[in-house]
């Protein structure tokens, strides 16, 4: 094995590998590709998490709407918080307004069954085209009864006066499905420009897939469960 190691390390070697040498490599390769407690490194396979494009998951699953548990009971924290992709507030400009949206909580009848839930926040025009960078929140802080709590601030990445007419801010609720092996969009909500005003706001939840053009909207449920937000306007 020492001779083989010397040949592998030598960049100037003119000798060809022999069959016997290749057979020695087989042991090493098999150790890398399989979990072996005696191997020098922990190479246990890590399950991949697929994040699907809007609508793609509809070809893979049919969301069950009526038979999920409520998750009622004592408050529960999510153990594996994942950093999001949140962006800082833009520099202020004279006579221009910036918007901070605090995502407080979302009401879901099966809140207790959602794994690693987070929100994707985007700003779209009437054609569904991104106007700002898309941001993901960290995984939610905790769940309690039929609510999942986020308590996170989103800084909208454009001055409000520069958003075009008909623009809307979208909130997509996503969670991980271990049996399916991908992150799924469960529902979405949106806020239009005439709803931008300081203070709390409660907005309705709609069934997936996310309809960025807002033409075929279906409420997620008839129950009084919503997305709870709080808006703060910053103006020089």
Foldseek 3Di string as FASTA:
>chain_A
DVVLVVVVPDPPDPDDDDPVSVVVVVVVVVPQVDQDPPDPDGNDDDQAAAADDQPPCVVVDDDDQPPAAQLADAKFFQDDKDAKFADDADDADAPWKWKKKFFFKWFASRVNPFAQKKKKKFKAALVRDTPFDIIIHIRFTIDHGRMTGRRDIHTTPDTLVPDDARMKMKIWIWGTDVVSRYIDTAWMWIGHSVRADAFKDWTFIFGDDDDSNPDDTHGSDPDPITTIMGMDMDHD
